[in-house]
Amino acid sequence: LGVHITIDDPAQLEKIREREAGIVLERVDMILKSGANVIFTTKGIDDLCLKSFIEKGAMAVRRCKKEDLRRIAKATGATLVSSLSDLNGDEKFEASNLGHAEEVVQERISDDECILVKGTKVHTSASIILRGPNEYSLDEMERSVHDSLSAVKRTLESGRIVPGGGAVETALHIYLEEWATSVGSREQLAIGAFAQSLLIIPTTLAVNAAKDSSELVAQLRSRHALSQRLSASEGGSGDAHTAATVQPATEDEKSLAKKKNYKNYGLDLTKGRVVDSLKMGVLEPAMSKVKQLKSAVEACVAIMRIDTMIKLDPENQGGDDGHGH
C-alpha cells in the first residue's frame, strides 16, 4: 500500500498482512457494489483480488496501456480513477465514474487474445486490425493507414477540400504569371519566379511516376489557363488588373471549360493523363495546402535574408614523406 511500517514484535507481522489484504478486498468490494462488472487497470492484479472478481462474475483486465484506457474511457463515458481517496482522505467510488457498453468479450484474432469493447454508449469508436505476411509489410500498412487517417482528420478540421494532383499549384502558377504582367516594377520578376517554382510540384509528381512531365504539365497549364480566361471573361476573377491582362475566352472555349470543369484538373499518374481530380477522388485538405505554401514562403524568406557566407579554410593535408603516407 506504499506505507513504511516498523515493527518490534514478529507476531504483529501476520496481523499487518491480514489487514493489508482486508483493505484491498474492501476496495474491490466498493468498486463492485457501485455496479462495475468490467475493470481495466494499468497495473497487475493480485490473485486474492482476482478470486473476488471471479466470485462476483466480474471481468478484470490488467496491464493495459494508458492510451488504450483513455480511448475506452472516452468511448464509454467512464472516468479514469488513479486514487479512491477524496480530498478529505476518505476512500469511496462513485457510480458516476462508470462507463457503459453493450458487450465486453475476449476473442482470439490470429495468434493474439484481444479484449473487444462493443456498443459503446457515448462515442462510436472502431479499431483497425491490419494483417500481413511479415512485420515489414505491416509496418508499411500501418504508416499508410496513419497517413490516410491524418488526411481525413485534417479535412474534418478545416471543413474544406481542394483538388489534388498538382491542380492547386498549376492554377496559382497561371494566376500569378498573369498578375505579374500587371506589375510595373521589378517585383514582377519575383512574382514570376515564384509562379514558376509552383510547377515543381506537378513536375515532380510526374517524374516520380515515370511519366512525361513536360507533356503533362503543358496540358495542365493549358486547361487551367483556359479556365481562368473563362473566369476573367465572366468577371469572376475579383482582380481588375488580372482580368484586363487575360485574353477573353471564346464561346467554344467557354462551353468546353464548363463541360470539362477544367479548374479542377490534376494529374492521373496511373494512366499518365490529366483528369478532373474531384471526380477521381484525388483531394487534399485546404488547411494542409495553405500550410505547405506558407512554410515554403517562410523558408524562402529565411534563405533570402542571409547576405553573408562563412568560408572555411581547406583542411591542411600533410606533405608527402616519401613513403606514400
C-alpha atoms as a PDB file:
ATOM      1  CA  LEU A   1       0.000   0.000   0.000  1.00  0.00           C
ATOM      2  CA  GLY A   2       3.040   2.280  -0.151  1.00  0.00           C
ATOM      3  CA  VAL A   3       3.300   2.570   3.660  1.00  0.00           C
ATOM      4  CA  HIS A   4       6.560   2.039   5.581  1.00  0.00           C
ATOM      5  CA  ILE A   5       5.940   0.236   8.884  1.00  0.00           C
ATOM      6  CA  THR A   6       8.469  -0.593  11.602  1.00  0.00           C
ATOM      7  CA  ILE A   7       7.521  -3.435  13.955  1.00  0.00           C
ATOM      8  CA  ASP A   8       9.217  -4.768  17.066  1.00  0.00           C
ATOM      9  CA  ASP A   9       7.020  -7.822  17.557  1.00  0.00           C
ATOM     10  CA  PRO A  10       7.133 -10.565  14.867  1.00  0.00           C
ATOM     11  CA  ALA A  11       3.666 -11.694  15.942  1.00  0.00           C
ATOM     12  CA  GLN A  12       2.215  -8.441  14.629  1.00  0.00           C
ATOM     13  CA  LEU A  13       3.518  -9.077  11.108  1.00  0.00           C
ATOM     14  CA  GLU A  14       0.755 -11.535  10.255  1.00  0.00           C
ATOM     15  CA  LYS A  15      -1.888  -9.135  11.541  1.00  0.00           C
ATOM     16  CA  ILE A  16      -0.459  -6.392   9.322  1.00  0.00           C
ATOM     17  CA  ARG A  17      -0.629  -8.699   6.311  1.00  0.00           C
ATOM     18  CA  GLU A  18      -4.207  -9.646   7.109  1.00  0.00           C
ATOM     19  CA  ARG A  19      -5.200  -6.006   7.466  1.00  0.00           C
ATOM     20  CA  GLU A  20      -3.470  -5.130   4.211  1.00  0.00           C
ATOM     21  CA  ALA A  21      -5.408  -7.879   2.405  1.00  0.00           C
ATOM     22  CA  GLY A  22      -8.591  -6.679   4.097  1.00  0.00           C
ATOM     23  CA  ILE A  23      -8.096  -3.108   2.869  1.00  0.00           C
ATOM     24  CA  VAL A  24      -7.559  -4.335  -0.699  1.00  0.00           C
ATOM     25  CA  LEU A  25     -10.667  -6.531  -0.580  1.00  0.00           C
ATOM     26  CA  GLU A  26     -12.696  -3.623   0.810  1.00  0.00           C
ATOM     27  CA  ARG A  27     -11.631  -1.527  -2.168  1.00  0.00           C
ATOM     28  CA  VAL A  28     -12.569  -4.303  -4.584  1.00  0.00           C
ATOM     29  CA  ASP A  29     -15.937  -4.728  -2.873  1.00  0.00           C
ATOM     30  CA  MET A  30     -16.533  -0.966  -3.032  1.00  0.00           C
ATOM     31  CA  ILE A  31     -15.932  -0.954  -6.807  1.00  0.00           C
ATOM     32  CA  LEU A  32     -18.160  -3.982  -7.399  1.00  0.00           C
ATOM     33  CA  LYS A  33     -21.001  -2.576  -5.280  1.00  0.00           C
ATOM     34  CA  SER A  34     -21.074   0.531  -7.485  1.00  0.00           C
ATOM     35  CA  GLY A  35     -22.249  -1.699 -10.344  1.00  0.00           C
ATOM     36  CA  ALA A  36     -18.960  -2.277 -12.153  1.00  0.00           C
ATOM     37  CA  ASN A  37     -18.629  -5.620 -13.910  1.00  0.00           C
ATOM     38  CA  VAL A  38     -15.531  -4.891 -16.046  1.00  0.00           C
ATOM     39  CA  ILE A  39     -12.390  -3.377 -14.551  1.00  0.00           C
ATOM     40  CA  PHE A  40      -9.346  -2.191 -16.541  1.00  0.00           C
ATOM     41  CA  THR A  41      -6.060  -1.290 -14.873  1.00  0.00           C
ATOM     42  CA  THR A  42      -2.529  -0.440 -15.981  1.00  0.00           C
ATOM     43  CA  LYS A  43      -1.067  -2.359 -13.017  1.00  0.00           C
ATOM     44  CA  GLY A  44      -1.110  -6.000 -12.035  1.00  0.00           C
ATOM     45  CA  ILE A  45      -3.924  -7.629 -10.031  1.00  0.00           C
ATOM     46  CA  ASP A  46      -3.235  -9.851  -7.027  1.00  0.00           C
ATOM     47  CA  ASP A  47      -4.620 -13.392  -7.079  1.00  0.00           C
ATOM     48  CA  LEU A  48      -6.637 -12.591  -3.955  1.00  0.00           C
ATOM     49  CA  CYS A  49      -8.429  -9.803  -5.844  1.00  0.00           C
ATOM     50  CA  LEU A  50      -8.894 -11.968  -8.939  1.00  0.00           C
ATOM     51  CA  LYS A  51     -10.673 -14.542  -6.812  1.00  0.00           C
ATOM     52  CA  SER A  52     -13.067 -11.876  -5.556  1.00  0.00           C
ATOM     53  CA  PHE A  53     -13.761 -10.659  -9.107  1.00  0.00           C
ATOM     54  CA  ILE A  54     -14.443 -14.196 -10.324  1.00  0.00           C
ATOM     55  CA  GLU A  55     -16.812 -14.934  -7.461  1.00  0.00           C
ATOM     56  CA  LYS A  56     -18.838 -11.807  -8.292  1.00  0.00           C
ATOM     57  CA  GLY A  57     -18.865 -12.608 -12.036  1.00  0.00           C
ATOM     58  CA  ALA A  58     -16.806  -9.551 -12.997  1.00  0.00           C
ATOM     59  CA  MET A  59     -14.073  -9.303 -15.635  1.00  0.00           C
ATOM     60  CA  ALA A  60     -10.731  -7.794 -14.619  1.00  0.00           C
ATOM     61  CA  VAL A  61      -8.161  -6.835 -17.267  1.00  0.00           C
ATOM     62  CA  ARG A  62      -4.660  -5.988 -16.065  1.00  0.00           C
ATOM     63  CA  ARG A  63      -1.575  -4.305 -17.556  1.00  0.00           C
ATOM     64  CA  CYS A  64      -3.488  -2.231 -20.110  1.00  0.00           C
ATOM     65  CA  LYS A  65      -1.793   0.613 -21.937  1.00  0.00           C
ATOM     66  CA  LYS A  66      -2.701   4.075 -20.689  1.00  0.00           C
ATOM     67  CA  GLU A  67      -3.534   5.205 -24.209  1.00  0.00           C
ATOM     68  CA  ASP A  68      -5.954   2.292 -24.591  1.00  0.00           C
ATOM     69  CA  LEU A  69      -7.616   3.195 -21.292  1.00  0.00           C
ATOM     70  CA  ARG A  70      -8.044   6.808 -22.407  1.00  0.00           C
ATOM     71  CA  ARG A  71      -9.761   5.653 -25.582  1.00  0.00           C
ATOM     72  CA  ILE A  72     -12.020   3.225 -23.723  1.00  0.00           C
ATOM     73  CA  ALA A  73     -12.962   5.921 -21.204  1.00  0.00           C
ATOM     74  CA  LYS A  74     -13.754   8.413 -23.976  1.00  0.00           C
ATOM     75  CA  ALA A  75     -15.900   5.907 -25.884  1.00  0.00           C
ATOM     76  CA  THR A  76     -17.819   4.550 -22.893  1.00  0.00           C
ATOM     77  CA  GLY A  77     -18.104   7.743 -20.862  1.00  0.00           C
ATOM     78  CA  ALA A  78     -16.051   6.355 -17.977  1.00  0.00           C
ATOM     79  CA  THR A  79     -13.694   8.361 -15.784  1.00  0.00           C
ATOM     80  CA  LEU A  80     -10.104   7.258 -15.207  1.00  0.00           C
ATOM     81  CA  VAL A  81      -9.541   6.861 -11.463  1.00  0.00           C
ATOM     82  CA  SER A  82      -5.985   6.930 -10.144  1.00  0.00           C
ATOM     83  CA  SER A  83      -6.925   7.017  -6.450  1.00  0.00           C
ATOM     84  CA  LEU A  84     -10.022   6.153  -4.421  1.00  0.00           C
ATOM     85  CA  SER A  85      -9.239   8.795  -1.787  1.00  0.00           C
ATOM     86  CA  ASP A  86     -11.105  12.100  -1.888  1.00  0.00           C
ATOM     87  CA  LEU A  87      -9.882  15.485  -0.629  1.00  0.00           C
ATOM     88  CA  ASN A  88     -10.761  14.524   2.951  1.00  0.00           C
ATOM     89  CA  GLY A  89      -8.779  11.292   2.777  1.00  0.00           C
ATOM     90  CA  ASP A  90     -11.867   9.072   2.746  1.00  0.00           C
ATOM     91  CA  GLU A  91     -11.996   6.241   0.236  1.00  0.00           C
ATOM     92  CA  LYS A  92     -15.074   5.955  -1.962  1.00  0.00           C
ATOM     93  CA  PHE A  93     -16.017   5.081  -5.519  1.00  0.00           C
ATOM     94  CA  GLU A  94     -18.949   6.804  -7.213  1.00  0.00           C
ATOM     95  CA  ALA A  95     -21.156   5.041  -9.753  1.00  0.00           C
ATOM     96  CA  SER A  96     -20.898   8.178 -11.916  1.00  0.00           C
ATOM     97  CA  ASN A  97     -17.321   7.132 -12.749  1.00  0.00           C
ATOM     98  CA  LEU A  98     -18.579   4.096 -14.643  1.00  0.00           C
ATOM     99  CA  GLY A  99     -18.880   3.890 -18.415  1.00  0.00           C
ATOM    100  CA  HIS A 100     -21.326   1.807 -20.400  1.00  0.00           C
ATOM    101  CA  ALA A 101     -21.021  -0.641 -23.295  1.00  0.00           C
ATOM    102  CA  GLU A 102     -23.277  -3.363 -24.651  1.00  0.00           C
ATOM    103  CA  GLU A 103     -20.663  -6.112 -24.525  1.00  0.00           C
ATOM    104  CA  VAL A 104     -17.069  -6.758 -23.480  1.00  0.00           C
ATOM    105  CA  VAL A 105     -15.698 -10.059 -24.760  1.00  0.00           C
ATOM    106  CA  GLN A 106     -12.389 -11.812 -25.246  1.00  0.00           C
ATOM    107  CA  GLU A 107     -11.798 -13.124 -28.744  1.00  0.00           C
ATOM    108  CA  ARG A 108      -8.864 -14.755 -30.450  1.00  0.00           C
ATOM    109  CA  ILE A 109      -7.684 -12.921 -33.555  1.00  0.00           C
ATOM    110  CA  SER A 110      -4.872 -14.726 -35.356  1.00  0.00           C
ATOM    111  CA  ASP A 111      -2.366 -15.582 -32.599  1.00  0.00           C
ATOM    112  CA  ASP A 112      -3.475 -12.890 -30.161  1.00  0.00           C
ATOM    113  CA  GLU A 113      -6.141 -12.806 -27.469  1.00  0.00           C
ATOM    114  CA  CYS A 114      -7.989  -9.478 -27.714  1.00  0.00           C
ATOM    115  CA  ILE A 115     -10.485  -7.748 -25.436  1.00  0.00           C
ATOM    116  CA  LEU A 116     -13.260  -6.215 -27.562  1.00  0.00           C
ATOM    117  CA  VAL A 117     -15.493  -3.452 -26.191  1.00  0.00           C
ATOM    118  CA  LYS A 118     -18.637  -3.371 -28.329  1.00  0.00           C
ATOM    119  CA  GLY A 119     -21.583  -0.989 -28.442  1.00  0.00           C
ATOM    120  CA  THR A 120     -20.066   1.942 -26.560  1.00  0.00           C
ATOM    121  CA  LYS A 121     -22.718   4.411 -25.402  1.00  0.00           C
ATOM    122  CA  VAL A 122     -21.054   7.835 -25.611  1.00  0.00           C
ATOM    123  CA  HIS A 123     -18.899   7.845 -28.755  1.00  0.00           C
ATOM    124  CA  THR A 124     -18.836   5.453 -31.664  1.00  0.00           C
ATOM    125  CA  SER A 125     -15.361   4.014 -31.985  1.00  0.00           C
ATOM    126  CA  ALA A 126     -13.627   1.355 -34.025  1.00  0.00           C
ATOM    127  CA  SER A 127     -10.287  -0.410 -34.184  1.00  0.00           C
ATOM    128  CA  ILE A 128      -8.494  -1.217 -37.426  1.00  0.00           C
ATOM    129  CA  ILE A 129      -6.805  -4.622 -37.454  1.00  0.00           C
ATOM    130  CA  LEU A 130      -4.051  -4.999 -40.041  1.00  0.00           C
ATOM    131  CA  ARG A 131      -2.848  -8.364 -41.292  1.00  0.00           C
ATOM    132  CA  GLY A 132       0.138  -9.083 -43.470  1.00  0.00           C
ATOM    133  CA  PRO A 133       2.716 -11.716 -44.371  1.00  0.00           C
ATOM    134  CA  ASN A 134       5.528 -10.180 -42.282  1.00  0.00           C
ATOM    135  CA  GLU A 135       6.464  -7.303 -39.990  1.00  0.00           C
ATOM    136  CA  TYR A 136       7.839  -5.145 -42.813  1.00  0.00           C
ATOM    137  CA  SER A 137       4.566  -5.260 -44.732  1.00  0.00           C
ATOM    138  CA  LEU A 138       2.595  -4.500 -41.571  1.00  0.00           C
ATOM    139  CA  ASP A 139       4.811  -1.507 -40.768  1.00  0.00           C
ATOM    140  CA  GLU A 140       4.240  -0.107 -44.250  1.00  0.00           C
ATOM    141  CA  MET A 141       0.498  -0.730 -43.978  1.00  0.00           C
ATOM    142  CA  GLU A 142       0.404   0.983 -40.586  1.00  0.00           C
ATOM    143  CA  ARG A 143       2.156   4.069 -41.975  1.00  0.00           C
ATOM    144  CA  SER A 144      -0.252   4.213 -44.918  1.00  0.00           C
ATOM    145  CA  VAL A 145      -3.320   3.912 -42.688  1.00  0.00           C
ATOM    146  CA  HIS A 146      -1.933   6.553 -40.323  1.00  0.00           C
ATOM    147  CA  ASP A 147      -1.365   8.950 -43.232  1.00  0.00           C
ATOM    148  CA  SER A 148      -4.894   8.323 -44.509  1.00  0.00           C
ATOM    149  CA  LEU A 149      -6.456   8.929 -41.096  1.00  0.00           C
ATOM    150  CA  SER A 150      -4.391  12.094 -40.659  1.00  0.00           C
ATOM    151  CA  ALA A 151      -5.629  13.391 -44.024  1.00  0.00           C
ATOM    152  CA  VAL A 152      -9.230  12.684 -43.028  1.00  0.00           C
ATOM    153  CA  LYS A 153      -8.657  14.397 -39.659  1.00  0.00           C
ATOM    154  CA  ARG A 154      -7.247  17.491 -41.367  1.00  0.00           C
ATOM    155  CA  THR A 155     -10.170  17.574 -43.779  1.00  0.00           C
ATOM    156  CA  LEU A 156     -12.728  17.403 -40.976  1.00  0.00           C
ATOM    157  CA  GLU A 157     -10.884  20.120 -39.043  1.00  0.00           C
ATOM    158  CA  SER A 158     -10.679  22.543 -41.963  1.00  0.00           C
ATOM    159  CA  GLY A 159     -14.082  21.714 -43.453  1.00  0.00           C
ATOM    160  CA  ARG A 160     -12.751  22.430 -46.947  1.00  0.00           C
ATOM    161  CA  ILE A 161     -11.048  20.419 -49.648  1.00  0.00           C
ATOM    162  CA  VAL A 162      -9.172  21.284 -52.824  1.00  0.00           C
ATOM    163  CA  PRO A 163      -8.406  19.140 -55.882  1.00  0.00           C
ATOM    164  CA  GLY A 164      -5.080  17.327 -55.723  1.00  0.00           C
ATOM    165  CA  GLY A 165      -2.673  16.066 -58.342  1.00  0.00           C
ATOM    166  CA  GLY A 166      -0.992  19.461 -58.804  1.00  0.00           C
ATOM    167  CA  ALA A 167      -4.246  21.283 -59.638  1.00  0.00           C
ATOM    168  CA  VAL A 168      -3.854  24.000 -56.999  1.00  0.00           C
ATOM    169  CA  GLU A 169      -0.210  24.702 -57.840  1.00  0.00           C
ATOM    170  CA  THR A 170      -0.933  24.924 -61.565  1.00  0.00           C
ATOM    171  CA  ALA A 171      -3.905  27.256 -61.038  1.00  0.00           C
ATOM    172  CA  LEU A 172      -1.797  29.523 -58.808  1.00  0.00           C
ATOM    173  CA  HIS A 173       1.009  29.437 -61.372  1.00  0.00           C
ATOM    174  CA  ILE A 174      -1.287  30.658 -64.170  1.00  0.00           C
ATOM    175  CA  TYR A 175      -2.867  33.332 -61.974  1.00  0.00           C
ATOM    176  CA  LEU A 176       0.453  34.717 -60.709  1.00  0.00           C
ATOM    177  CA  GLU A 177       2.009  34.690 -64.175  1.00  0.00           C
ATOM    178  CA  GLU A 178      -0.834  36.825 -65.498  1.00  0.00           C
ATOM    179  CA  TRP A 179      -0.776  39.073 -62.438  1.00  0.00           C
ATOM    180  CA  ALA A 180       2.988  39.632 -62.761  1.00  0.00           C
ATOM    181  CA  THR A 181       2.487  41.291 -66.149  1.00  0.00           C
ATOM    182  CA  SER A 182       0.350  43.968 -64.472  1.00  0.00           C
ATOM    183  CA  VAL A 183       3.123  44.882 -62.012  1.00  0.00           C
ATOM    184  CA  GLY A 184       5.285  47.638 -63.476  1.00  0.00           C
ATOM    185  CA  SER A 185       8.209  47.377 -61.034  1.00  0.00           C
ATOM    186  CA  ARG A 186      10.940  44.817 -60.520  1.00  0.00           C
ATOM    187  CA  GLU A 187       8.654  42.926 -58.143  1.00  0.00           C
ATOM    188  CA  GLN A 188       7.345  41.421 -61.366  1.00  0.00           C
ATOM    189  CA  LEU A 189      10.474  39.248 -61.520  1.00  0.00           C
ATOM    190  CA  ALA A 190       9.935  37.886 -58.008  1.00  0.00           C
ATOM    191  CA  ILE A 191       6.275  37.134 -58.706  1.00  0.00           C
ATOM    192  CA  GLY A 192       7.182  35.387 -61.955  1.00  0.00           C
ATOM    193  CA  ALA A 193       9.893  33.321 -60.260  1.00  0.00           C
ATOM    194  CA  PHE A 194       7.515  32.257 -57.505  1.00  0.00           C
ATOM    195  CA  ALA A 195       4.882  31.336 -60.086  1.00  0.00           C
ATOM    196  CA  GLN A 196       7.412  29.220 -61.964  1.00  0.00           C
ATOM    197  CA  SER A 197       8.512  27.468 -58.773  1.00  0.00           C
ATOM    198  CA  LEU A 198       4.965  26.236 -58.161  1.00  0.00           C
ATOM    199  CA  LEU A 199       5.226  23.984 -61.214  1.00  0.00           C
ATOM    200  CA  ILE A 200       7.843  21.926 -59.378  1.00  0.00           C
ATOM    201  CA  ILE A 201       5.023  20.055 -57.597  1.00  0.00           C
ATOM    202  CA  PRO A 202       3.218  18.648 -60.681  1.00  0.00           C
ATOM    203  CA  THR A 203       6.562  18.155 -62.434  1.00  0.00           C
ATOM    204  CA  THR A 204       7.958  16.113 -59.541  1.00  0.00           C
ATOM    205  CA  LEU A 205       4.752  14.066 -59.314  1.00  0.00           C
ATOM    206  CA  ALA A 206       5.013  13.159 -62.987  1.00  0.00           C
ATOM    207  CA  VAL A 207       8.740  12.350 -62.797  1.00  0.00           C
ATOM    208  CA  ASN A 208       8.267  10.106 -59.749  1.00  0.00           C
ATOM    209  CA  ALA A 209       5.576   8.200 -61.645  1.00  0.00           C
ATOM    210  CA  ALA A 210       7.927   7.754 -64.640  1.00  0.00           C
ATOM    211  CA  LYS A 211       5.666   9.847 -66.898  1.00  0.00           C
ATOM    212  CA  ASP A 212       6.447  12.569 -69.434  1.00  0.00           C
ATOM    213  CA  SER A 213       6.461  15.576 -67.114  1.00  0.00           C
ATOM    214  CA  SER A 214       6.833  18.149 -69.903  1.00  0.00           C
ATOM    215  CA  GLU A 215       3.758  16.899 -71.764  1.00  0.00           C
ATOM    216  CA  LEU A 216       1.571  16.511 -68.667  1.00  0.00           C
ATOM    217  CA  VAL A 217       2.493  19.891 -67.173  1.00  0.00           C
ATOM    218  CA  ALA A 218       1.869  21.567 -70.527  1.00  0.00           C
ATOM    219  CA  GLN A 219      -1.599  20.016 -70.685  1.00  0.00           C
ATOM    220  CA  LEU A 220      -2.316  21.113 -67.117  1.00  0.00           C
ATOM    221  CA  ARG A 221      -1.246  24.687 -67.853  1.00  0.00           C
ATOM    222  CA  SER A 222      -3.421  24.754 -70.957  1.00  0.00           C
ATOM    223  CA  ARG A 223      -6.534  23.596 -69.083  1.00  0.00           C
ATOM    224  CA  HIS A 224      -6.097  25.970 -66.169  1.00  0.00           C
ATOM    225  CA  ALA A 225      -5.271  28.910 -68.427  1.00  0.00           C
ATOM    226  CA  LEU A 226      -8.497  28.301 -70.355  1.00  0.00           C
ATOM    227  CA  SER A 227     -10.462  28.015 -67.103  1.00  0.00           C
ATOM    228  CA  GLN A 228      -9.092  31.310 -65.826  1.00  0.00           C
ATOM    229  CA  ARG A 229      -9.774  33.041 -69.144  1.00  0.00           C
ATOM    230  CA  LEU A 230     -13.382  31.911 -68.730  1.00  0.00           C
ATOM    231  CA  SER A 231     -13.481  33.358 -65.194  1.00  0.00           C
ATOM    232  CA  ALA A 232     -11.961  36.627 -66.416  1.00  0.00           C
ATOM    233  CA  SER A 233     -14.455  36.993 -69.257  1.00  0.00           C
ATOM    234  CA  GLU A 234     -17.309  36.443 -66.784  1.00  0.00           C
ATOM    235  CA  GLY A 235     -15.834  38.973 -64.337  1.00  0.00           C
ATOM    236  CA  GLY A 236     -15.294  36.302 -61.677  1.00  0.00           C
ATOM    237  CA  SER A 237     -11.594  36.793 -61.059  1.00  0.00           C
ATOM    238  CA  GLY A 238     -12.101  39.530 -58.462  1.00  0.00           C
ATOM    239  CA  ASP A 239      -8.953  41.347 -59.699  1.00  0.00           C
ATOM    240  CA  ALA A 240      -9.313  44.168 -62.239  1.00  0.00           C
ATOM    241  CA  HIS A 241      -5.634  44.094 -63.252  1.00  0.00           C
ATOM    242  CA  THR A 242      -5.664  40.351 -63.858  1.00  0.00           C
ATOM    243  CA  ALA A 243      -8.943  40.490 -65.746  1.00  0.00           C
ATOM    244  CA  ALA A 244      -7.524  43.167 -68.012  1.00  0.00           C
ATOM    245  CA  THR A 245      -4.407  41.158 -68.908  1.00  0.00           C
ATOM    246  CA  VAL A 246      -6.170  37.845 -69.575  1.00  0.00           C
ATOM    247  CA  GLN A 247      -7.415  37.284 -73.099  1.00  0.00           C
ATOM    248  CA  PRO A 248     -11.222  36.677 -73.009  1.00  0.00           C
ATOM    249  CA  ALA A 249     -12.391  33.155 -73.800  1.00  0.00           C
ATOM    250  CA  THR A 250     -14.373  32.396 -76.942  1.00  0.00           C
ATOM    251  CA  GLU A 251     -17.823  30.835 -76.803  1.00  0.00           C
ATOM    252  CA  ASP A 252     -16.439  27.426 -77.772  1.00  0.00           C
ATOM    253  CA  GLU A 253     -13.785  27.655 -75.073  1.00  0.00           C
ATOM    254  CA  LYS A 254     -16.384  28.671 -72.501  1.00  0.00           C
ATOM    255  CA  SER A 255     -18.569  25.716 -73.372  1.00  0.00           C
ATOM    256  CA  LEU A 256     -15.628  23.288 -73.245  1.00  0.00           C
ATOM    257  CA  ALA A 257     -14.227  24.638 -69.970  1.00  0.00           C
ATOM    258  CA  LYS A 258     -17.620  24.449 -68.261  1.00  0.00           C
ATOM    259  CA  LYS A 259     -18.348  20.977 -69.573  1.00  0.00           C
ATOM    260  CA  LYS A 260     -14.963  19.546 -68.618  1.00  0.00           C
ATOM    261  CA  ASN A 261     -14.613  21.561 -65.383  1.00  0.00           C
ATOM    262  CA  TYR A 262     -11.014  22.433 -66.195  1.00  0.00           C
ATOM    263  CA  LYS A 263     -10.451  24.363 -62.948  1.00  0.00           C
ATOM    264  CA  ASN A 264     -10.292  21.050 -61.047  1.00  0.00           C
ATOM    265  CA  TYR A 265      -7.918  19.285 -63.428  1.00  0.00           C
ATOM    266  CA  GLY A 266      -4.917  17.485 -61.969  1.00  0.00           C
ATOM    267  CA  LEU A 267      -2.653  14.554 -62.805  1.00  0.00           C
ATOM    268  CA  ASP A 268      -3.759  10.945 -63.105  1.00  0.00           C
ATOM    269  CA  LEU A 269      -0.391   9.267 -62.583  1.00  0.00           C
ATOM    270  CA  THR A 270      -1.780   5.760 -63.109  1.00  0.00           C
ATOM    271  CA  LYS A 271      -2.791   6.341 -66.723  1.00  0.00           C
ATOM    272  CA  GLY A 272      -0.477   9.277 -67.416  1.00  0.00           C
ATOM    273  CA  ARG A 273      -3.098  11.900 -68.275  1.00  0.00           C
ATOM    274  CA  VAL A 274      -4.847  14.976 -66.882  1.00  0.00           C
ATOM    275  CA  VAL A 275      -8.306  14.443 -65.365  1.00  0.00           C
ATOM    276  CA  ASP A 276     -10.886  16.091 -63.120  1.00  0.00           C
ATOM    277  CA  SER A 277      -9.384  15.435 -59.686  1.00  0.00           C
ATOM    278  CA  LEU A 278     -12.722  15.910 -57.908  1.00  0.00           C
ATOM    279  CA  LYS A 279     -14.385  13.179 -59.954  1.00  0.00           C
ATOM    280  CA  MET A 280     -11.388  10.892 -59.475  1.00  0.00           C
ATOM    281  CA  GLY A 281     -11.485  11.438 -55.713  1.00  0.00           C
ATOM    282  CA  VAL A 282      -7.964  12.915 -55.546  1.00  0.00           C
ATOM    283  CA  LEU A 283      -8.472  15.558 -52.865  1.00  0.00           C
ATOM    284  CA  GLU A 284      -6.426  17.406 -50.261  1.00  0.00           C
ATOM    285  CA  PRO A 285      -7.418  19.303 -47.108  1.00  0.00           C
ATOM    286  CA  ALA A 286      -7.372  23.039 -47.766  1.00  0.00           C
ATOM    287  CA  MET A 287      -5.675  23.598 -44.394  1.00  0.00           C
ATOM    288  CA  SER A 288      -2.708  21.411 -45.340  1.00  0.00           C
ATOM    289  CA  LYS A 289      -2.300  23.110 -48.723  1.00  0.00           C
ATOM    290  CA  VAL A 290      -2.273  26.582 -47.160  1.00  0.00           C
ATOM    291  CA  LYS A 291       0.291  25.488 -44.565  1.00  0.00           C
ATOM    292  CA  GLN A 292       2.511  23.991 -47.273  1.00  0.00           C
ATOM    293  CA  LEU A 293       2.569  27.248 -49.220  1.00  0.00           C
ATOM    294  CA  LYS A 294       3.160  29.330 -46.080  1.00  0.00           C
ATOM    295  CA  SER A 295       6.024  27.087 -44.970  1.00  0.00           C
ATOM    296  CA  ALA A 296       7.622  27.259 -48.423  1.00  0.00           C
ATOM    297  CA  VAL A 297       7.427  31.066 -48.472  1.00  0.00           C
ATOM    298  CA  GLU A 298       8.816  31.345 -44.933  1.00  0.00           C
ATOM    299  CA  ALA A 299      11.732  29.079 -45.862  1.00  0.00           C
ATOM    300  CA  CYS A 300      12.479  31.214 -48.936  1.00  0.00           C
ATOM    301  CA  VAL A 301      12.342  34.424 -46.894  1.00  0.00           C
ATOM    302  CA  ALA A 302      14.732  32.969 -44.309  1.00  0.00           C
ATOM    303  CA  ILE A 303      17.206  31.991 -47.037  1.00  0.00           C
ATOM    304  CA  MET A 304      16.960  35.332 -48.838  1.00  0.00           C
ATOM    305  CA  ARG A 305      17.762  37.201 -45.619  1.00  0.00           C
ATOM    306  CA  ILE A 306      21.161  35.531 -45.455  1.00  0.00           C
ATOM    307  CA  ASP A 307      23.534  38.045 -47.085  1.00  0.00           C
ATOM    308  CA  THR A 308      26.875  36.669 -45.875  1.00  0.00           C
ATOM    309  CA  MET A 309      28.694  33.365 -46.131  1.00  0.00           C
ATOM    310  CA  ILE A 310      31.258  31.784 -43.851  1.00  0.00           C
ATOM    311  CA  LYS A 311      34.018  30.215 -45.882  1.00  0.00           C
ATOM    312  CA  LEU A 312      36.073  27.517 -44.196  1.00  0.00           C
ATOM    313  CA  ASP A 313      39.765  27.217 -44.924  1.00  0.00           C
ATOM    314  CA  PRO A 314      40.670  23.995 -46.732  1.00  0.00           C
ATOM    315  CA  GLU A 315      41.828  21.225 -44.452  1.00  0.00           C
ATOM    316  CA  ASN A 316      45.608  21.084 -44.266  1.00  0.00           C
ATOM    317  CA  GLN A 317      46.771  17.795 -45.740  1.00  0.00           C
ATOM    318  CA  GLY A 318      50.155  16.533 -44.562  1.00  0.00           C
ATOM    319  CA  GLY A 319      53.036  16.633 -47.033  1.00  0.00           C
ATOM    320  CA  ASP A 320      54.433  13.551 -48.747  1.00  0.00           C
ATOM    321  CA  ASP A 321      57.054  11.920 -46.556  1.00  0.00           C
ATOM    322  CA  GLY A 322      58.478   9.906 -49.432  1.00  0.00           C
ATOM    323  CA  HIS A 323      56.924   6.641 -48.297  1.00  0.00           C
ATOM    324  CA  GLY A 324      53.462   7.141 -49.786  1.00  0.00           C
ATOM    325  CA  HIS A 325      51.941   8.173 -46.442  1.00  0.00           C
END
